Amino acid sequence: MCKAFSCVVEPDKKVTWKLGVDSHTELLKLAGLDKYDTSSDPAKMMFARVEITPNNNDYLFPDKWTLTIDETIKPNWFGEKHEQAAFVAQKKWMKQLAKLLVRKEIVHPFKIEPPTKITEEHIKLLLDWNSVWDSVRDSVRDSVRDLVRNSVWDSVWDSVRNSVWDSVWNSVGDSVWNSVRNSIWNSVRNSIWGYVGSFFKLEEWQGVKHKKGEYPFESVVKLWDLGLVPSFDGITWRLHGGPKAAILFSITKEELEKTK
């Protein structure tokens, strides 16, 4: 699998790249080179497949960036000036990425001291999330993932998943009785996906109506950052918080919608 930043470098130091395109196959098409260079002779190769990636694989807070050639054979002509040209392109890519990526620390909601009392503010956020839930349901993941699907997305998703997924998933499940546990998974998963999407800035998110430039899942992110994770079993909404994901608040969907 190709990694970001990916590019194609030619002998004359021309570099082809595009934000969101990490596949060298696609980049070769963009460069008009997809029908050329089947040679395994390093003296005759017409391009080099190049990747520049952070050593810590963290695109939110990268450390040193390292260039590698994604080839079994390195072209004879590839030298220091070709590396420099690739790094110049990578810096331009970074500027474009900065407009898309929200660099913030990953929050684990159950490691935050939750509110001592659930207020109208929290209920209003839950009400908004309920409205979003009605409009998108199973498509939260698709809304988030499909529009930013590339290796940067994969890295951010991996970072969040490794930090919080299993803990949040299991903790919420353990806090509710068995008869409810299986029915809440979709809502908990969507809460996590909604949080992951907050690391990206997009003008439009598919599958849900929203103002241009507005993040439609912001309500669940605000709850998350307050140490609250919502779950829904088809009848009742709950807010979980604290180290054991205790149920801090519960209300039926019908009762919640009456608070409008």
C-alpha atoms as a PDB file:
ATOM      1  CA  MET A   1       0.000   0.000   0.000  1.00  0.00           C
ATOM      2  CA  CYS A   2       1.333   3.434  -0.960  1.00  0.00           C
ATOM      3  CA  LYS A   3       1.874   6.021   1.735  1.00  0.00           C
ATOM      4  CA  ALA A   4       1.609   9.782   1.856  1.00  0.00           C
ATOM      5  CA  PHE A   5       3.486  11.678   0.625  1.00  0.00           C
ATOM      6  CA  SER A   6       3.739   9.764  -2.687  1.00  0.00           C
ATOM      7  CA  CYS A   7       5.071  11.127  -5.954  1.00  0.00           C
ATOM      8  CA  VAL A   8       6.673  10.185  -9.252  1.00  0.00           C
ATOM      9  CA  VAL A   9      10.087  11.672 -10.068  1.00  0.00           C
ATOM     10  CA  GLU A  10      11.493  11.785 -13.599  1.00  0.00           C
ATOM     11  CA  PRO A  11      15.151  12.110 -14.702  1.00  0.00           C
ATOM     12  CA  ASP A  12      14.699  15.829 -15.464  1.00  0.00           C
ATOM     13  CA  LYS A  13      13.559  16.275 -11.816  1.00  0.00           C
ATOM     14  CA  LYS A  14       9.900  16.751 -12.749  1.00  0.00           C
ATOM     15  CA  VAL A  15       7.733  15.645  -9.808  1.00  0.00           C
ATOM     16  CA  THR A  16       4.099  14.559 -10.168  1.00  0.00           C
ATOM     17  CA  TRP A  17       1.887  14.498  -7.066  1.00  0.00           C
ATOM     18  CA  LYS A  18      -1.639  15.322  -5.975  1.00  0.00           C
ATOM     19  CA  LEU A  19      -3.166  15.754  -2.532  1.00  0.00           C
ATOM     20  CA  GLY A  20      -5.307  12.738  -1.669  1.00  0.00           C
ATOM     21  CA  VAL A  21      -3.718  10.550  -4.363  1.00  0.00           C
ATOM     22  CA  ASP A  22      -1.202   8.146  -2.871  1.00  0.00           C
ATOM     23  CA  SER A  23      -1.327   5.417  -5.521  1.00  0.00           C
ATOM     24  CA  HIS A  24       1.707   5.483  -7.787  1.00  0.00           C
ATOM     25  CA  THR A  25      -0.425   3.815 -10.457  1.00  0.00           C
ATOM     26  CA  GLU A  26      -2.778   6.814 -10.431  1.00  0.00           C
ATOM     27  CA  LEU A  27       0.123   9.263 -10.305  1.00  0.00           C
ATOM     28  CA  LEU A  28       1.719   7.604 -13.333  1.00  0.00           C
ATOM     29  CA  LYS A  29      -1.530   8.164 -15.220  1.00  0.00           C
ATOM     30  CA  LEU A  30      -1.488  11.833 -14.202  1.00  0.00           C
ATOM     31  CA  ALA A  31       2.100  12.110 -15.418  1.00  0.00           C
ATOM     32  CA  GLY A  32       1.285  10.349 -18.702  1.00  0.00           C
ATOM     33  CA  LEU A  33       3.783   7.617 -17.878  1.00  0.00           C
ATOM     34  CA  ASP A  34       1.467   4.687 -17.241  1.00  0.00           C
ATOM     35  CA  LYS A  35       2.245   3.062 -20.601  1.00  0.00           C
ATOM     36  CA  TYR A  36       5.986   3.394 -20.256  1.00  0.00           C
ATOM     37  CA  ASP A  37       8.924   2.004 -18.348  1.00  0.00           C
ATOM     38  CA  THR A  38       8.472  -1.681 -17.902  1.00  0.00           C
ATOM     39  CA  SER A  39      12.248  -1.959 -17.837  1.00  0.00           C
ATOM     40  CA  SER A  40      14.072  -3.579 -14.940  1.00  0.00           C
ATOM     41  CA  ASP A  41      17.339  -2.035 -16.119  1.00  0.00           C
ATOM     42  CA  PRO A  42      18.249   0.787 -13.673  1.00  0.00           C
ATOM     43  CA  ALA A  43      19.935   2.657 -16.533  1.00  0.00           C
ATOM     44  CA  LYS A  44      16.756   2.677 -18.637  1.00  0.00           C
ATOM     45  CA  MET A  45      14.066   3.403 -16.043  1.00  0.00           C
ATOM     46  CA  MET A  46      12.029   6.492 -16.919  1.00  0.00           C
ATOM     47  CA  PHE A  47      10.812   7.397 -13.425  1.00  0.00           C
ATOM     48  CA  ALA A  48      11.090   6.588  -9.742  1.00  0.00           C
ATOM     49  CA  ARG A  49       8.212   5.887  -7.384  1.00  0.00           C
ATOM     50  CA  VAL A  50       8.967   7.935  -4.275  1.00  0.00           C
ATOM     51  CA  GLU A  51       7.425   8.142  -0.805  1.00  0.00           C
ATOM     52  CA  ILE A  52       8.227  10.649   1.955  1.00  0.00           C
ATOM     53  CA  THR A  53       6.734   9.672   5.290  1.00  0.00           C
ATOM     54  CA  PRO A  54       7.118  10.637   8.969  1.00  0.00           C
ATOM     55  CA  ASN A  55       9.177   8.109  10.917  1.00  0.00           C
ATOM     56  CA  ASN A  56       6.525   7.973  13.652  1.00  0.00           C
ATOM     57  CA  ASN A  57       3.720   7.540  11.052  1.00  0.00           C
ATOM     58  CA  ASP A  58       1.866  10.355  12.799  1.00  0.00           C
ATOM     59  CA  TYR A  59       0.497  12.968  10.405  1.00  0.00           C
ATOM     60  CA  LEU A  60      -1.003  15.010  13.219  1.00  0.00           C
ATOM     61  CA  PHE A  61       2.350  15.505  14.926  1.00  0.00           C
ATOM     62  CA  PRO A  62       5.031  14.147  12.586  1.00  0.00           C
ATOM     63  CA  ASP A  63       8.693  13.865  13.517  1.00  0.00           C
ATOM     64  CA  LYS A  64      11.452  13.471  10.934  1.00  0.00           C
ATOM     65  CA  TRP A  65      10.371  12.849   7.339  1.00  0.00           C
ATOM     66  CA  THR A  66      12.245  10.140   5.425  1.00  0.00           C
ATOM     67  CA  LEU A  67      12.413   9.584   1.670  1.00  0.00           C
ATOM     68  CA  THR A  68      12.276   6.081   0.264  1.00  0.00           C
ATOM     69  CA  ILE A  69      12.078   4.751  -3.285  1.00  0.00           C
ATOM     70  CA  ASP A  70       9.188   2.338  -3.652  1.00  0.00           C
ATOM     71  CA  GLU A  71      10.995   0.220  -6.215  1.00  0.00           C
ATOM     72  CA  THR A  72      12.864  -3.057  -6.054  1.00  0.00           C
ATOM     73  CA  ILE A  73      15.470  -1.404  -8.273  1.00  0.00           C
ATOM     74  CA  LYS A  74      16.706   2.177  -7.894  1.00  0.00           C
ATOM     75  CA  PRO A  75      17.248   4.092 -11.150  1.00  0.00           C
ATOM     76  CA  ASN A  76      20.895   4.888 -11.812  1.00  0.00           C
ATOM     77  CA  TRP A  77      20.099   8.531 -12.468  1.00  0.00           C
ATOM     78  CA  PHE A  78      18.291   9.171  -9.175  1.00  0.00           C
ATOM     79  CA  GLY A  79      20.493  11.391  -7.015  1.00  0.00           C
ATOM     80  CA  GLU A  80      20.564  14.203  -4.454  1.00  0.00           C
ATOM     81  CA  LYS A  81      18.936  16.773  -6.742  1.00  0.00           C
ATOM     82  CA  HIS A  82      16.046  14.410  -7.412  1.00  0.00           C
ATOM     83  CA  GLU A  83      15.606  13.971  -3.648  1.00  0.00           C
ATOM     84  CA  GLN A  84      15.621  17.746  -3.217  1.00  0.00           C
ATOM     85  CA  ALA A  85      12.957  18.134  -5.928  1.00  0.00           C
ATOM     86  CA  ALA A  86      10.790  15.531  -4.162  1.00  0.00           C
ATOM     87  CA  PHE A  87      11.134  17.334  -0.821  1.00  0.00           C
ATOM     88  CA  VAL A  88      10.196  20.666  -2.437  1.00  0.00           C
ATOM     89  CA  ALA A  89       7.013  19.011  -3.730  1.00  0.00           C
ATOM     90  CA  GLN A  90       6.391  17.471  -0.304  1.00  0.00           C
ATOM     91  CA  LYS A  91       6.514  20.901   1.323  1.00  0.00           C
ATOM     92  CA  LYS A  92       3.861  22.149  -1.126  1.00  0.00           C
ATOM     93  CA  TRP A  93       1.778  19.083  -0.278  1.00  0.00           C
ATOM     94  CA  MET A  94       2.168  19.863   3.434  1.00  0.00           C
ATOM     95  CA  LYS A  95       0.788  23.370   2.886  1.00  0.00           C
ATOM     96  CA  GLN A  96      -2.282  21.923   1.178  1.00  0.00           C
ATOM     97  CA  LEU A  97      -2.638  19.258   3.871  1.00  0.00           C
ATOM     98  CA  ALA A  98      -2.540  21.928   6.568  1.00  0.00           C
ATOM     99  CA  LYS A  99      -5.745  23.374   5.116  1.00  0.00           C
ATOM    100  CA  LEU A 100      -7.445  19.981   5.426  1.00  0.00           C
ATOM    101  CA  LEU A 101      -6.064  18.566   8.668  1.00  0.00           C
ATOM    102  CA  VAL A 102      -6.971  19.710  12.193  1.00  0.00           C
ATOM    103  CA  ARG A 103      -3.903  19.172  14.368  1.00  0.00           C
ATOM    104  CA  LYS A 104      -5.131  18.533  17.880  1.00  0.00           C
ATOM    105  CA  GLU A 105      -4.442  16.061  20.634  1.00  0.00           C
ATOM    106  CA  ILE A 106      -6.519  12.888  20.675  1.00  0.00           C
ATOM    107  CA  VAL A 107      -8.896  13.004  23.634  1.00  0.00           C
ATOM    108  CA  HIS A 108      -9.905   9.877  25.523  1.00  0.00           C
ATOM    109  CA  PRO A 109     -13.369  10.799  26.861  1.00  0.00           C
ATOM    110  CA  PHE A 110     -13.230   8.407  29.808  1.00  0.00           C
ATOM    111  CA  LYS A 111      -9.947   9.837  31.044  1.00  0.00           C
ATOM    112  CA  ILE A 112     -11.569  13.247  31.500  1.00  0.00           C
ATOM    113  CA  GLU A 113     -13.458  14.217  34.624  1.00  0.00           C
ATOM    114  CA  PRO A 114     -17.069  14.246  33.380  1.00  0.00           C
ATOM    115  CA  PRO A 115     -19.578  16.938  34.379  1.00  0.00           C
ATOM    116  CA  THR A 116     -20.900  16.516  37.903  1.00  0.00           C
ATOM    117  CA  LYS A 117     -24.349  17.367  36.599  1.00  0.00           C
ATOM    118  CA  ILE A 118     -25.939  16.995  33.174  1.00  0.00           C
ATOM    119  CA  THR A 119     -27.262  20.401  32.208  1.00  0.00           C
ATOM    120  CA  GLU A 120     -29.458  21.838  29.466  1.00  0.00           C
ATOM    121  CA  GLU A 121     -26.288  22.452  27.462  1.00  0.00           C
ATOM    122  CA  HIS A 122     -25.481  18.740  27.398  1.00  0.00           C
ATOM    123  CA  ILE A 123     -29.075  17.782  26.629  1.00  0.00           C
ATOM    124  CA  LYS A 124     -29.146  20.269  23.762  1.00  0.00           C
ATOM    125  CA  LEU A 125     -26.006  18.688  22.297  1.00  0.00           C
ATOM    126  CA  LEU A 126     -27.578  15.250  22.666  1.00  0.00           C
ATOM    127  CA  LEU A 127     -30.740  16.510  20.985  1.00  0.00           C
ATOM    128  CA  ASP A 128     -28.694  17.782  18.059  1.00  0.00           C
ATOM    129  CA  TRP A 129     -26.866  14.457  17.789  1.00  0.00           C
ATOM    130  CA  ASN A 130     -30.241  12.715  17.858  1.00  0.00           C
ATOM    131  CA  SER A 131     -31.345  14.841  14.897  1.00  0.00           C
ATOM    132  CA  VAL A 132     -28.170  14.014  12.994  1.00  0.00           C
ATOM    133  CA  TRP A 133     -28.655  10.355  13.876  1.00  0.00           C
ATOM    134  CA  ASP A 134     -32.137  10.439  12.338  1.00  0.00           C
ATOM    135  CA  SER A 135     -30.764  11.815   9.080  1.00  0.00           C
ATOM    136  CA  VAL A 136     -27.653   9.685   8.616  1.00  0.00           C
ATOM    137  CA  ARG A 137     -27.713   6.627  10.926  1.00  0.00           C
ATOM    138  CA  ASP A 138     -25.463   4.047   9.278  1.00  0.00           C
ATOM    139  CA  SER A 139     -23.786   6.555   6.959  1.00  0.00           C
ATOM    140  CA  VAL A 140     -21.747   8.498   9.538  1.00  0.00           C
ATOM    141  CA  ARG A 141     -18.697   6.389   8.766  1.00  0.00           C
ATOM    142  CA  ASP A 142     -19.198   6.765   5.012  1.00  0.00           C
ATOM    143  CA  SER A 143     -19.699  10.523   5.343  1.00  0.00           C
ATOM    144  CA  VAL A 144     -16.398  10.828   7.163  1.00  0.00           C
ATOM    145  CA  ARG A 145     -14.260   8.181   5.513  1.00  0.00           C
ATOM    146  CA  ASP A 146     -15.156   8.394   1.836  1.00  0.00           C
ATOM    147  CA  LEU A 147     -14.364  12.085   1.450  1.00  0.00           C
ATOM    148  CA  VAL A 148     -10.907  11.838   3.058  1.00  0.00           C
ATOM    149  CA  ARG A 149      -9.976   8.277   2.094  1.00  0.00           C
ATOM    150  CA  ASN A 150      -6.207   8.148   1.642  1.00  0.00           C
ATOM    151  CA  SER A 151      -3.189   7.148   3.675  1.00  0.00           C
ATOM    152  CA  VAL A 152      -3.337  10.324   5.788  1.00  0.00           C
ATOM    153  CA  TRP A 153      -6.897   9.367   6.721  1.00  0.00           C
ATOM    154  CA  ASP A 154      -5.693   5.839   7.492  1.00  0.00           C
ATOM    155  CA  SER A 155      -2.972   7.174   9.757  1.00  0.00           C
ATOM    156  CA  VAL A 156      -5.309   9.489  11.693  1.00  0.00           C
ATOM    157  CA  TRP A 157      -7.895   6.722  11.989  1.00  0.00           C
ATOM    158  CA  ASP A 158      -5.223   4.302  13.221  1.00  0.00           C
ATOM    159  CA  SER A 159      -4.037   6.843  15.790  1.00  0.00           C
ATOM    160  CA  VAL A 160      -7.544   7.409  17.169  1.00  0.00           C
ATOM    161  CA  ARG A 161      -8.393   3.718  17.033  1.00  0.00           C
ATOM    162  CA  ASN A 162      -5.234   2.735  18.897  1.00  0.00           C
ATOM    163  CA  SER A 163      -5.844   5.440  21.513  1.00  0.00           C
ATOM    164  CA  VAL A 164      -9.539   5.077  22.234  1.00  0.00           C
ATOM    165  CA  TRP A 165     -11.493   2.548  20.133  1.00  0.00           C
ATOM    166  CA  ASP A 166     -11.233  -0.624  22.202  1.00  0.00           C
ATOM    167  CA  SER A 167     -11.437   1.224  25.497  1.00  0.00           C
ATOM    168  CA  VAL A 168     -14.510   3.284  24.596  1.00  0.00           C
ATOM    169  CA  TRP A 169     -16.193   0.375  22.830  1.00  0.00           C
ATOM    170  CA  ASN A 170     -15.709  -2.100  25.661  1.00  0.00           C
ATOM    171  CA  SER A 171     -16.287   0.364  28.492  1.00  0.00           C
ATOM    172  CA  VAL A 172     -19.671   1.500  27.199  1.00  0.00           C
ATOM    173  CA  GLY A 173     -20.668  -2.114  26.579  1.00  0.00           C
ATOM    174  CA  ASP A 174     -19.681  -3.123  30.107  1.00  0.00           C
ATOM    175  CA  SER A 175     -21.704  -0.295  31.618  1.00  0.00           C
ATOM    176  CA  VAL A 176     -25.043  -1.459  30.239  1.00  0.00           C
ATOM    177  CA  TRP A 177     -26.844  -4.721  30.847  1.00  0.00           C
ATOM    178  CA  ASN A 178     -26.602  -7.597  28.385  1.00  0.00           C
ATOM    179  CA  SER A 179     -30.100  -7.102  26.983  1.00  0.00           C
ATOM    180  CA  VAL A 180     -29.072  -3.653  25.742  1.00  0.00           C
ATOM    181  CA  ARG A 181     -25.390  -4.156  24.967  1.00  0.00           C
ATOM    182  CA  ASN A 182     -25.746  -5.571  21.462  1.00  0.00           C
ATOM    183  CA  SER A 183     -28.221  -2.905  20.383  1.00  0.00           C
ATOM    184  CA  ILE A 184     -25.970   0.072  21.176  1.00  0.00           C
ATOM    185  CA  TRP A 185     -22.929  -0.826  19.075  1.00  0.00           C
ATOM    186  CA  ASN A 186     -23.966   1.144  16.007  1.00  0.00           C
ATOM    187  CA  SER A 187     -24.504   4.319  18.026  1.00  0.00           C
ATOM    188  CA  VAL A 188     -21.170   3.984  19.840  1.00  0.00           C
ATOM    189  CA  ARG A 189     -19.357   3.287  16.584  1.00  0.00           C
ATOM    190  CA  ASN A 190     -20.930   6.370  15.017  1.00  0.00           C
ATOM    191  CA  SER A 191     -19.853   8.471  18.001  1.00  0.00           C
ATOM    192  CA  ILE A 192     -16.273   7.367  17.385  1.00  0.00           C
ATOM    193  CA  TRP A 193     -16.500   7.979  13.643  1.00  0.00           C
ATOM    194  CA  GLY A 194     -17.979  11.409  14.302  1.00  0.00           C
ATOM    195  CA  TYR A 195     -15.027  12.213  16.537  1.00  0.00           C
ATOM    196  CA  VAL A 196     -12.497  10.988  13.957  1.00  0.00           C
ATOM    197  CA  GLY A 197     -14.010  13.248  11.311  1.00  0.00           C
ATOM    198  CA  SER A 198     -13.312  16.304  13.480  1.00  0.00           C
ATOM    199  CA  PHE A 199      -9.625  15.985  12.538  1.00  0.00           C
ATOM    200  CA  PHE A 200     -10.448  17.058   8.983  1.00  0.00           C
ATOM    201  CA  LYS A 201     -11.736  20.304   7.497  1.00  0.00           C
ATOM    202  CA  LEU A 202     -14.033  19.857   4.514  1.00  0.00           C
ATOM    203  CA  GLU A 203     -16.528  22.123   2.830  1.00  0.00           C
ATOM    204  CA  GLU A 204     -19.099  19.367   2.401  1.00  0.00           C
ATOM    205  CA  TRP A 205     -19.895  16.079   4.121  1.00  0.00           C
ATOM    206  CA  GLN A 206     -22.053  13.617   2.220  1.00  0.00           C
ATOM    207  CA  GLY A 207     -25.290  12.100   3.433  1.00  0.00           C
ATOM    208  CA  VAL A 208     -26.270  14.908   5.800  1.00  0.00           C
ATOM    209  CA  LYS A 209     -27.569  18.426   5.289  1.00  0.00           C
ATOM    210  CA  HIS A 210     -25.384  21.169   6.729  1.00  0.00           C
ATOM    211  CA  LYS A 211     -24.110  24.656   6.063  1.00  0.00           C
ATOM    212  CA  LYS A 212     -21.065  24.860   3.815  1.00  0.00           C
ATOM    213  CA  GLY A 213     -17.890  24.518   5.850  1.00  0.00           C
ATOM    214  CA  GLU A 214     -19.799  23.386   8.951  1.00  0.00           C
ATOM    215  CA  TYR A 215     -18.947  20.059  10.562  1.00  0.00           C
ATOM    216  CA  PRO A 216     -22.307  18.258  10.864  1.00  0.00           C
ATOM    217  CA  PHE A 217     -21.187  15.965  13.693  1.00  0.00           C
ATOM    218  CA  GLU A 218     -19.858  18.734  15.942  1.00  0.00           C
ATOM    219  CA  SER A 219     -22.385  18.008  18.702  1.00  0.00           C
ATOM    220  CA  VAL A 220     -20.969  14.548  19.388  1.00  0.00           C
ATOM    221  CA  VAL A 221     -17.428  15.975  19.326  1.00  0.00           C
ATOM    222  CA  LYS A 222     -18.365  18.583  21.940  1.00  0.00           C
ATOM    223  CA  LEU A 223     -19.888  15.875  24.129  1.00  0.00           C
ATOM    224  CA  TRP A 224     -16.765  13.748  23.639  1.00  0.00           C
ATOM    225  CA  ASP A 225     -14.465  16.622  24.622  1.00  0.00           C
ATOM    226  CA  LEU A 226     -16.555  17.092  27.775  1.00  0.00           C
ATOM    227  CA  GLY A 227     -15.989  13.459  28.704  1.00  0.00           C
ATOM    228  CA  LEU A 228     -19.398  12.222  27.525  1.00  0.00           C
ATOM    229  CA  VAL A 229     -20.113   9.476  24.991  1.00  0.00           C
ATOM    230  CA  PRO A 230     -23.727   8.927  23.848  1.00  0.00           C
ATOM    231  CA  SER A 231     -25.249   5.522  23.199  1.00  0.00           C
ATOM    232  CA  PHE A 232     -28.669   4.642  21.852  1.00  0.00           C
ATOM    233  CA  ASP A 233     -30.486   1.291  21.958  1.00  0.00           C
ATOM    234  CA  GLY A 234     -33.382   2.272  19.701  1.00  0.00           C
ATOM    235  CA  ILE A 235     -35.498   3.598  22.554  1.00  0.00           C
ATOM    236  CA  THR A 236     -33.262   5.301  25.114  1.00  0.00           C
ATOM    237  CA  TRP A 237     -30.322   7.674  24.791  1.00  0.00           C
ATOM    238  CA  ARG A 238     -27.613   7.517  27.458  1.00  0.00           C
ATOM    239  CA  LEU A 239     -24.588   9.635  28.261  1.00  0.00           C
ATOM    240  CA  HIS A 240     -21.606   7.706  29.587  1.00  0.00           C
ATOM    241  CA  GLY A 241     -18.643   9.187  31.439  1.00  0.00           C
ATOM    242  CA  GLY A 242     -15.846   8.542  33.904  1.00  0.00           C
ATOM    243  CA  PRO A 243     -13.292   5.706  34.013  1.00  0.00           C
ATOM    244  CA  LYS A 244     -15.999   3.024  34.003  1.00  0.00           C
ATOM    245  CA  ALA A 245     -18.186   4.722  31.377  1.00  0.00           C
ATOM    246  CA  ALA A 246     -20.961   4.965  33.936  1.00  0.00           C
ATOM    247  CA  ILE A 247     -24.426   5.985  32.794  1.00  0.00           C
ATOM    248  CA  LEU A 248     -24.650   9.611  33.900  1.00  0.00           C
ATOM    249  CA  PHE A 249     -27.904  10.419  32.143  1.00  0.00           C
ATOM    250  CA  SER A 250     -30.644   8.571  30.278  1.00  0.00           C
ATOM    251  CA  ILE A 251     -33.714   9.724  28.437  1.00  0.00           C
ATOM    252  CA  THR A 252     -36.025   8.142  25.888  1.00  0.00           C
ATOM    253  CA  LYS A 253     -35.870   9.430  22.348  1.00  0.00           C
ATOM    254  CA  GLU A 254     -39.487  10.524  22.672  1.00  0.00           C
ATOM    255  CA  GLU A 255     -38.797  12.498  25.842  1.00  0.00           C
ATOM    256  CA  LEU A 256     -35.658  14.025  24.356  1.00  0.00           C
ATOM    257  CA  GLU A 257     -37.455  15.316  21.298  1.00  0.00           C
ATOM    258  CA  LYS A 258     -40.038  16.979  23.535  1.00  0.00           C
ATOM    259  CA  THR A 259     -37.262  19.207  24.938  1.00  0.00           C
ATOM    260  CA  LYS A 260     -37.015  21.097  21.643  1.00  0.00           C
END
